[in-house]
């Protein structure tokens, strides 16, 4: 996790969307839900930051898709890169970890929605696993 004064950057594959995050990022949580499987081709590795700390610095392609009554997902309408998972009622946004510019210094801290995990792979680490949401139980999992 980075410090309060650090700035992290990221963006999509084609460069039409760029963003920066001021302050700390949550370490990575792998989401195994059925929506992440469809979006990412497998699980979705997400960091997270407070909404007020995220700024879009280039917006030539950002689009939002409401995936449920709980959240919307941000992606680049030009290249298709998945970028954000933004819940409507929380003050933090999930950031697709692969969209961050490296090195990030982040590490994976757990797995959520393993009850929906695809059958073609196994989780072979000793990190915490949650059948559904972690409900804020992981370190810096902002609510």
N, C-alpha and C. Protein backbone atom coordinates (compact mmCIF):
# COMPACT_ATOMS: atom_id res chain seq x y z
N UNK A 1 0.85 -1.18 0.00
CA UNK A 1 0.00 0.00 0.00
C UNK A 1 0.89 1.23 0.00
N UNK A 2 0.52 2.22 -0.78
CA UNK A 2 1.32 3.43 -0.84
C UNK A 2 0.93 4.40 0.27
N UNK A 3 1.72 5.46 0.41
CA UNK A 3 1.52 6.41 1.51
C UNK A 3 0.46 7.46 1.17
N UNK A 4 0.13 8.27 2.16
CA UNK A 4 -0.87 9.33 2.00
C UNK A 4 -0.46 10.35 0.94
N UNK A 5 0.85 10.55 0.76
CA UNK A 5 1.35 11.57 -0.16
C UNK A 5 1.66 11.06 -1.55
N UNK A 6 1.61 9.76 -1.75
CA UNK A 6 1.98 9.17 -3.03
C UNK A 6 0.85 9.35 -4.06
N UNK A 7 1.25 9.45 -5.31
CA UNK A 7 0.28 9.51 -6.40
C UNK A 7 0.51 8.30 -7.30
N UNK A 8 -0.55 7.55 -7.53
CA UNK A 8 -0.52 6.40 -8.44
C UNK A 8 -1.25 6.80 -9.70
N UNK A 9 -0.84 6.21 -10.82
CA UNK A 9 -1.49 6.51 -12.09
C UNK A 9 -1.86 5.21 -12.80
N UNK A 10 -2.76 5.33 -13.76
CA UNK A 10 -3.15 4.17 -14.54
C UNK A 10 -4.00 4.59 -15.72
N UNK A 11 -4.43 3.60 -16.48
CA UNK A 11 -5.25 3.90 -17.64
C UNK A 11 -5.56 2.65 -18.44
N UNK A 12 -6.18 2.89 -19.56
CA UNK A 12 -6.60 1.80 -20.44
C UNK A 12 -5.50 1.41 -21.41
N UNK A 13 -5.75 0.37 -22.19
CA UNK A 13 -4.79 -0.15 -23.15
C UNK A 13 -4.45 0.85 -24.25
N UNK A 14 -5.43 1.57 -24.76
CA UNK A 14 -5.18 2.48 -25.89
C UNK A 14 -4.77 3.88 -25.46
N UNK A 15 -4.88 4.21 -24.17
CA UNK A 15 -4.48 5.52 -23.69
C UNK A 15 -5.57 6.58 -23.71
N UNK A 16 -6.79 6.21 -24.12
CA UNK A 16 -7.89 7.18 -24.17
C UNK A 16 -8.38 7.58 -22.79
N UNK A 17 -8.14 6.73 -21.79
CA UNK A 17 -8.52 7.03 -20.41
C UNK A 17 -7.28 6.92 -19.54
N UNK A 18 -7.03 7.97 -18.76
CA UNK A 18 -5.94 7.99 -17.79
C UNK A 18 -6.52 8.51 -16.48
N UNK A 19 -5.97 8.03 -15.37
CA UNK A 19 -6.44 8.48 -14.06
C UNK A 19 -5.26 8.56 -13.10
N UNK A 20 -5.49 9.28 -12.00
CA UNK A 20 -4.50 9.31 -10.92
C UNK A 20 -5.23 9.18 -9.60
N UNK A 21 -4.51 8.61 -8.64
CA UNK A 21 -5.04 8.40 -7.30
C UNK A 21 -4.07 9.03 -6.33
N UNK A 22 -4.58 9.92 -5.49
CA UNK A 22 -3.76 10.55 -4.45
C UNK A 22 -3.98 9.76 -3.17
N UNK A 23 -2.89 9.37 -2.54
CA UNK A 23 -3.00 8.67 -1.28
C UNK A 23 -3.01 7.16 -1.44
N UNK A 24 -3.42 6.49 -0.37
CA UNK A 24 -3.26 5.03 -0.32
C UNK A 24 -4.20 4.26 -1.23
N UNK A 25 -3.69 3.15 -1.72
CA UNK A 25 -4.47 2.14 -2.42
C UNK A 25 -4.60 0.93 -1.52
N UNK A 26 -5.74 0.30 -1.55
CA UNK A 26 -5.87 -0.98 -0.85
C UNK A 26 -5.10 -2.02 -1.66
N UNK A 27 -4.51 -2.98 -0.98
CA UNK A 27 -3.88 -4.09 -1.68
C UNK A 27 -4.94 -4.84 -2.48
N UNK A 28 -4.52 -5.76 -3.31
CA UNK A 28 -5.40 -6.40 -4.29
C UNK A 28 -6.24 -7.52 -3.69
N UNK A 29 -7.51 -7.51 -4.06
CA UNK A 29 -8.45 -8.58 -3.71
C UNK A 29 -8.92 -9.18 -5.03
N UNK A 30 -8.84 -10.50 -5.14
CA UNK A 30 -9.29 -11.18 -6.34
C UNK A 30 -10.77 -11.53 -6.20
N UNK A 31 -11.58 -10.97 -7.10
CA UNK A 31 -13.02 -11.24 -7.08
C UNK A 31 -13.33 -12.32 -8.10
N UNK A 32 -13.98 -13.38 -7.63
CA UNK A 32 -14.28 -14.54 -8.47
C UNK A 32 -15.75 -14.59 -8.87
N UNK A 33 -16.47 -13.48 -8.77
CA UNK A 33 -17.90 -13.47 -9.09
C UNK A 33 -18.14 -13.70 -10.58
N UNK A 34 -19.35 -14.06 -10.93
CA UNK A 34 -19.67 -14.36 -12.33
C UNK A 34 -19.52 -13.14 -13.23
N UNK A 35 -19.78 -11.93 -12.71
CA UNK A 35 -19.59 -10.73 -13.54
C UNK A 35 -18.12 -10.51 -13.85
N UNK A 36 -17.24 -10.67 -12.86
CA UNK A 36 -15.80 -10.51 -13.12
C UNK A 36 -15.31 -11.56 -14.11
N UNK A 37 -15.87 -12.77 -14.02
CA UNK A 37 -15.48 -13.80 -14.99
C UNK A 37 -15.79 -13.34 -16.41
N UNK A 38 -16.95 -12.75 -16.60
CA UNK A 38 -17.33 -12.29 -17.95
C UNK A 38 -16.50 -11.09 -18.39
N UNK A 39 -16.21 -10.18 -17.46
CA UNK A 39 -15.44 -8.98 -17.80
C UNK A 39 -13.96 -9.25 -18.03
N UNK A 40 -13.37 -10.12 -17.21
CA UNK A 40 -11.93 -10.32 -17.23
C UNK A 40 -11.51 -11.64 -17.84
N UNK A 41 -12.46 -12.54 -18.11
CA UNK A 41 -12.11 -13.85 -18.62
C UNK A 41 -11.75 -14.83 -17.53
N UNK A 42 -11.75 -14.38 -16.29
CA UNK A 42 -11.45 -15.19 -15.12
C UNK A 42 -11.81 -14.34 -13.91
N UNK A 43 -11.00 -14.32 -12.88
CA UNK A 43 -11.29 -13.48 -11.72
C UNK A 43 -10.85 -12.04 -11.99
N UNK A 44 -11.36 -11.12 -11.19
CA UNK A 44 -11.00 -9.72 -11.32
C UNK A 44 -10.11 -9.28 -10.17
N UNK A 45 -8.85 -8.89 -10.45
CA UNK A 45 -7.97 -8.38 -9.39
C UNK A 45 -8.20 -6.88 -9.19
N UNK A 46 -8.70 -6.52 -8.00
CA UNK A 46 -9.07 -5.13 -7.75
C UNK A 46 -8.32 -4.55 -6.56
N UNK A 47 -7.79 -3.36 -6.76
CA UNK A 47 -7.34 -2.52 -5.67
C UNK A 47 -8.55 -1.65 -5.32
N UNK A 48 -8.37 -0.68 -4.46
CA UNK A 48 -9.48 0.20 -4.10
C UNK A 48 -8.93 1.48 -3.53
N UNK A 49 -9.65 2.58 -3.77
CA UNK A 49 -9.28 3.88 -3.20
C UNK A 49 -10.55 4.66 -2.93
N UNK A 50 -10.44 5.64 -2.08
CA UNK A 50 -11.58 6.51 -1.81
C UNK A 50 -11.92 7.30 -3.06
N UNK A 51 -13.21 7.47 -3.32
CA UNK A 51 -13.66 8.17 -4.53
C UNK A 51 -13.07 9.57 -4.64
N UNK A 52 -12.97 10.28 -3.52
CA UNK A 52 -12.47 11.66 -3.56
C UNK A 52 -11.00 11.73 -3.96
N UNK A 53 -10.29 10.61 -3.89
CA UNK A 53 -8.86 10.59 -4.22
C UNK A 53 -8.59 10.20 -5.67
N UNK A 54 -9.63 9.88 -6.43
CA UNK A 54 -9.46 9.44 -7.82
C UNK A 54 -9.84 10.57 -8.76
N UNK A 55 -8.92 10.90 -9.67
CA UNK A 55 -9.18 11.93 -10.68
C UNK A 55 -8.97 11.33 -12.07
N UNK A 56 -9.90 11.59 -12.96
CA UNK A 56 -9.74 11.19 -14.36
C UNK A 56 -8.95 12.31 -15.02
N UNK A 57 -7.76 12.00 -15.54
CA UNK A 57 -6.90 13.03 -16.13
C UNK A 57 -7.00 13.06 -17.65
N UNK A 58 -7.52 12.00 -18.25
CA UNK A 58 -7.79 11.99 -19.69
C UNK A 58 -9.05 11.16 -19.90
N UNK A 59 -10.05 11.78 -20.52
CA UNK A 59 -11.36 11.13 -20.66
C UNK A 59 -11.82 11.16 -22.12
N UNK A 60 -11.09 10.49 -22.98
CA UNK A 60 -11.50 10.39 -24.38
C UNK A 60 -12.25 9.10 -24.65
N UNK A 61 -12.47 8.28 -23.62
CA UNK A 61 -13.13 7.01 -23.87
C UNK A 61 -13.86 6.40 -22.68
N UNK A 62 -13.88 7.05 -21.52
CA UNK A 62 -14.49 6.45 -20.33
C UNK A 62 -16.00 6.34 -20.49
N UNK A 63 -16.50 5.16 -20.23
CA UNK A 63 -17.94 4.90 -20.24
C UNK A 63 -18.28 4.10 -19.00
N UNK A 64 -19.53 4.17 -18.59
CA UNK A 64 -20.00 3.46 -17.40
C UNK A 64 -21.16 2.56 -17.78
N UNK A 65 -21.17 1.38 -17.17
CA UNK A 65 -22.24 0.42 -17.39
C UNK A 65 -22.78 0.00 -16.03
N UNK A 66 -24.07 0.22 -15.81
CA UNK A 66 -24.70 -0.18 -14.55
C UNK A 66 -24.92 -1.68 -14.58
N UNK A 67 -24.14 -2.41 -13.78
CA UNK A 67 -24.22 -3.87 -13.79
C UNK A 67 -25.22 -4.43 -12.78
N UNK A 68 -25.65 -3.59 -11.84
CA UNK A 68 -26.62 -4.04 -10.84
C UNK A 68 -27.18 -2.80 -10.14
N UNK A 69 -28.05 -3.02 -9.18
CA UNK A 69 -28.57 -1.92 -8.38
C UNK A 69 -27.53 -1.44 -7.37
N UNK A 70 -26.42 -2.17 -7.27
CA UNK A 70 -25.38 -1.88 -6.28
C UNK A 70 -24.23 -1.06 -6.86
N UNK A 71 -23.88 -1.30 -8.14
CA UNK A 71 -22.66 -0.68 -8.68
C UNK A 71 -22.71 -0.52 -10.19
N UNK A 72 -21.77 0.29 -10.65
CA UNK A 72 -21.52 0.43 -12.09
C UNK A 72 -20.05 0.13 -12.34
N UNK A 73 -19.73 -0.19 -13.59
CA UNK A 73 -18.35 -0.50 -13.96
C UNK A 73 -17.89 0.47 -15.03
N UNK A 74 -16.68 0.99 -14.84
CA UNK A 74 -16.09 1.92 -15.78
C UNK A 74 -15.14 1.19 -16.72
N UNK A 75 -15.21 1.53 -18.00
CA UNK A 75 -14.38 0.88 -19.01
C UNK A 75 -14.09 1.87 -20.12
N UNK A 76 -13.13 1.54 -20.98
CA UNK A 76 -12.83 2.37 -22.13
C UNK A 76 -13.69 1.90 -23.30
N UNK A 77 -14.49 2.80 -23.83
CA UNK A 77 -15.37 2.44 -24.95
C UNK A 77 -14.58 2.28 -26.25
N UNK A 78 -13.31 2.71 -26.28
CA UNK A 78 -12.48 2.55 -27.48
C UNK A 78 -11.81 1.18 -27.54
N UNK A 79 -11.10 0.81 -26.47
CA UNK A 79 -10.34 -0.45 -26.50
C UNK A 79 -10.97 -1.56 -25.67
N UNK A 80 -11.97 -1.22 -24.84
CA UNK A 80 -12.66 -2.23 -24.05
C UNK A 80 -12.04 -2.54 -22.69
N UNK A 81 -10.96 -1.86 -22.34
CA UNK A 81 -10.31 -2.13 -21.05
C UNK A 81 -11.25 -1.88 -19.88
N UNK A 82 -11.29 -2.83 -18.97
CA UNK A 82 -12.04 -2.68 -17.73
C UNK A 82 -11.17 -1.90 -16.75
N UNK A 83 -11.76 -0.87 -16.11
CA UNK A 83 -10.99 0.02 -15.26
C UNK A 83 -11.48 0.12 -13.82
N UNK A 84 -12.80 0.25 -13.63
CA UNK A 84 -13.33 0.54 -12.30
C UNK A 84 -14.57 -0.30 -11.97
N UNK A 85 -14.75 -0.51 -10.67
CA UNK A 85 -16.00 -1.04 -10.11
C UNK A 85 -16.41 -0.01 -9.07
N UNK A 86 -17.52 0.69 -9.32
CA UNK A 86 -17.91 1.79 -8.45
C UNK A 86 -19.27 1.53 -7.81
N UNK A 87 -19.27 1.22 -6.51
CA UNK A 87 -20.54 1.05 -5.80
C UNK A 87 -21.22 2.40 -5.60
N UNK A 88 -22.54 2.41 -5.66
CA UNK A 88 -23.29 3.65 -5.54
C UNK A 88 -23.31 4.19 -4.11
N UNK A 89 -23.34 3.30 -3.12
CA UNK A 89 -23.55 3.72 -1.73
C UNK A 89 -22.31 3.69 -0.85
N UNK A 90 -21.13 3.49 -1.43
CA UNK A 90 -19.90 3.48 -0.64
C UNK A 90 -19.00 4.62 -1.10
N UNK A 91 -18.05 5.02 -0.26
CA UNK A 91 -17.18 6.14 -0.62
C UNK A 91 -15.87 5.70 -1.27
N UNK A 92 -15.81 4.47 -1.77
CA UNK A 92 -14.60 3.96 -2.41
C UNK A 92 -14.95 3.31 -3.75
N UNK A 93 -13.95 3.28 -4.62
CA UNK A 93 -14.10 2.68 -5.94
C UNK A 93 -13.05 1.61 -6.12
N UNK A 94 -13.46 0.47 -6.67
CA UNK A 94 -12.53 -0.59 -7.02
C UNK A 94 -11.80 -0.21 -8.30
N UNK A 95 -10.52 -0.47 -8.33
CA UNK A 95 -9.68 -0.17 -9.49
C UNK A 95 -9.09 -1.48 -9.99
N UNK A 96 -9.31 -1.80 -11.26
CA UNK A 96 -8.74 -3.02 -11.82
C UNK A 96 -7.23 -2.91 -11.72
N UNK A 97 -6.61 -3.81 -10.97
CA UNK A 97 -5.18 -3.71 -10.65
C UNK A 97 -4.30 -3.69 -11.89
N UNK A 98 -4.69 -4.41 -12.93
CA UNK A 98 -3.89 -4.44 -14.15
C UNK A 98 -3.90 -3.13 -14.92
N UNK A 99 -4.80 -2.22 -14.57
CA UNK A 99 -4.84 -0.92 -15.24
C UNK A 99 -3.91 0.10 -14.59
N UNK A 100 -3.35 -0.24 -13.43
CA UNK A 100 -2.41 0.64 -12.75
C UNK A 100 -1.04 0.59 -13.42
N UNK A 101 -0.38 1.73 -13.49
CA UNK A 101 0.99 1.76 -13.98
C UNK A 101 1.89 1.13 -12.92
N UNK A 102 2.81 0.30 -13.33
CA UNK A 102 3.69 -0.37 -12.39
C UNK A 102 5.03 0.34 -12.30
N UNK A 103 5.81 -0.02 -11.31
CA UNK A 103 5.46 -0.99 -10.28
C UNK A 103 4.50 -0.39 -9.27
N UNK A 104 3.59 -1.22 -8.76
CA UNK A 104 2.57 -0.73 -7.83
C UNK A 104 2.96 -0.90 -6.37
N UNK A 105 3.77 -1.90 -6.08
CA UNK A 105 4.09 -2.21 -4.68
C UNK A 105 2.95 -2.91 -3.96
N UNK A 106 1.88 -3.26 -4.67
CA UNK A 106 0.73 -3.91 -4.06
C UNK A 106 0.95 -5.42 -3.98
N UNK A 107 0.20 -6.05 -3.09
CA UNK A 107 0.22 -7.51 -3.01
C UNK A 107 -1.23 -7.99 -2.90
N UNK A 108 -1.46 -9.23 -3.23
CA UNK A 108 -2.79 -9.82 -3.13
C UNK A 108 -3.05 -10.20 -1.67
N UNK A 109 -4.25 -9.83 -1.16
CA UNK A 109 -4.54 -10.08 0.26
C UNK A 109 -5.74 -11.01 0.48
N UNK A 110 -6.46 -11.38 -0.58
CA UNK A 110 -7.59 -12.26 -0.35
C UNK A 110 -8.42 -12.50 -1.60
N UNK A 111 -9.44 -13.33 -1.42
CA UNK A 111 -10.33 -13.74 -2.50
C UNK A 111 -11.77 -13.58 -2.05
N UNK A 112 -12.60 -12.97 -2.89
CA UNK A 112 -14.02 -12.83 -2.58
C UNK A 112 -14.87 -13.51 -3.64
N UNK A 113 -16.08 -13.83 -3.27
CA UNK A 113 -17.06 -14.51 -4.13
C UNK A 113 -16.51 -15.82 -4.68
N UNK A 114 -15.78 -16.55 -3.84
CA UNK A 114 -15.26 -17.85 -4.27
C UNK A 114 -16.39 -18.86 -4.47
N UNK A 115 -17.57 -18.57 -3.93
CA UNK A 115 -18.72 -19.43 -4.15
C UNK A 115 -19.19 -19.43 -5.60
N UNK A 116 -18.76 -18.44 -6.38
CA UNK A 116 -19.11 -18.35 -7.80
C UNK A 116 -17.92 -18.67 -8.71
N UNK A 117 -16.79 -19.06 -8.15
CA UNK A 117 -15.56 -19.30 -8.88
C UNK A 117 -15.79 -20.29 -10.03
N UNK A 118 -15.15 -20.02 -11.17
CA UNK A 118 -15.23 -20.95 -12.30
C UNK A 118 -14.55 -22.27 -11.94
N UNK A 119 -14.93 -23.32 -12.62
CA UNK A 119 -14.41 -24.65 -12.29
C UNK A 119 -13.09 -25.01 -12.97
N UNK A 120 -12.54 -24.14 -13.81
CA UNK A 120 -11.36 -24.50 -14.58
C UNK A 120 -10.03 -24.09 -13.93
N UNK A 121 -10.08 -23.60 -12.69
CA UNK A 121 -8.84 -23.29 -11.98
C UNK A 121 -9.05 -23.50 -10.49
N UNK A 122 -7.93 -23.55 -9.78
CA UNK A 122 -7.97 -23.68 -8.33
C UNK A 122 -7.27 -22.48 -7.70
N UNK A 123 -7.63 -22.20 -6.48
CA UNK A 123 -6.95 -21.17 -5.70
C UNK A 123 -5.94 -21.90 -4.83
N UNK A 124 -4.68 -21.67 -5.10
CA UNK A 124 -3.62 -22.45 -4.45
C UNK A 124 -2.85 -21.72 -3.36
N UNK A 125 -3.30 -20.53 -2.98
CA UNK A 125 -2.57 -19.81 -1.94
C UNK A 125 -3.30 -19.97 -0.60
N UNK A 126 -2.71 -19.43 0.42
CA UNK A 126 -3.27 -19.54 1.79
C UNK A 126 -3.98 -18.26 2.22
N UNK A 127 -4.30 -17.37 1.28
CA UNK A 127 -4.94 -16.10 1.61
C UNK A 127 -6.39 -16.33 2.02
N UNK A 128 -6.97 -15.40 2.79
CA UNK A 128 -8.37 -15.54 3.20
C UNK A 128 -9.30 -15.64 1.99
N UNK A 129 -10.30 -16.51 2.12
CA UNK A 129 -11.32 -16.68 1.08
C UNK A 129 -12.69 -16.43 1.69
N UNK A 130 -13.54 -15.72 0.94
CA UNK A 130 -14.89 -15.42 1.38
C UNK A 130 -15.86 -15.96 0.34
N UNK A 131 -16.89 -16.65 0.81
CA UNK A 131 -17.89 -17.21 -0.10
C UNK A 131 -18.55 -16.11 -0.93
N UNK A 132 -18.80 -14.98 -0.30
CA UNK A 132 -19.37 -13.80 -0.96
C UNK A 132 -18.45 -12.62 -0.73
N UNK A 133 -19.02 -11.49 -0.35
CA UNK A 133 -18.24 -10.29 -0.06
C UNK A 133 -17.42 -10.46 1.22
N UNK A 134 -16.34 -9.72 1.31
CA UNK A 134 -15.56 -9.72 2.56
C UNK A 134 -16.20 -8.81 3.59
N UNK A 135 -17.16 -8.00 3.18
CA UNK A 135 -17.87 -7.07 4.07
C UNK A 135 -16.91 -6.22 4.90
N UNK A 136 -15.83 -5.78 4.27
CA UNK A 136 -14.89 -4.89 4.94
C UNK A 136 -13.92 -5.55 5.87
N UNK A 137 -13.85 -6.89 5.88
CA UNK A 137 -12.98 -7.59 6.82
C UNK A 137 -11.50 -7.59 6.44
N UNK A 138 -11.19 -7.23 5.19
CA UNK A 138 -9.79 -7.20 4.76
C UNK A 138 -9.19 -5.82 5.06
N UNK A 139 -7.89 -5.76 5.27
CA UNK A 139 -7.19 -4.52 5.64
C UNK A 139 -7.46 -3.42 4.60
N UNK A 140 -7.84 -2.27 5.10
CA UNK A 140 -8.11 -1.08 4.27
C UNK A 140 -9.19 -1.31 3.22
N UNK A 141 -10.11 -2.20 3.49
CA UNK A 141 -11.23 -2.43 2.57
C UNK A 141 -12.30 -1.39 2.88
N UNK A 142 -12.08 -0.19 2.38
CA UNK A 142 -12.92 0.96 2.68
C UNK A 142 -14.38 0.66 2.42
N UNK A 143 -15.20 1.15 3.32
CA UNK A 143 -16.65 0.97 3.17
C UNK A 143 -17.27 2.26 2.69
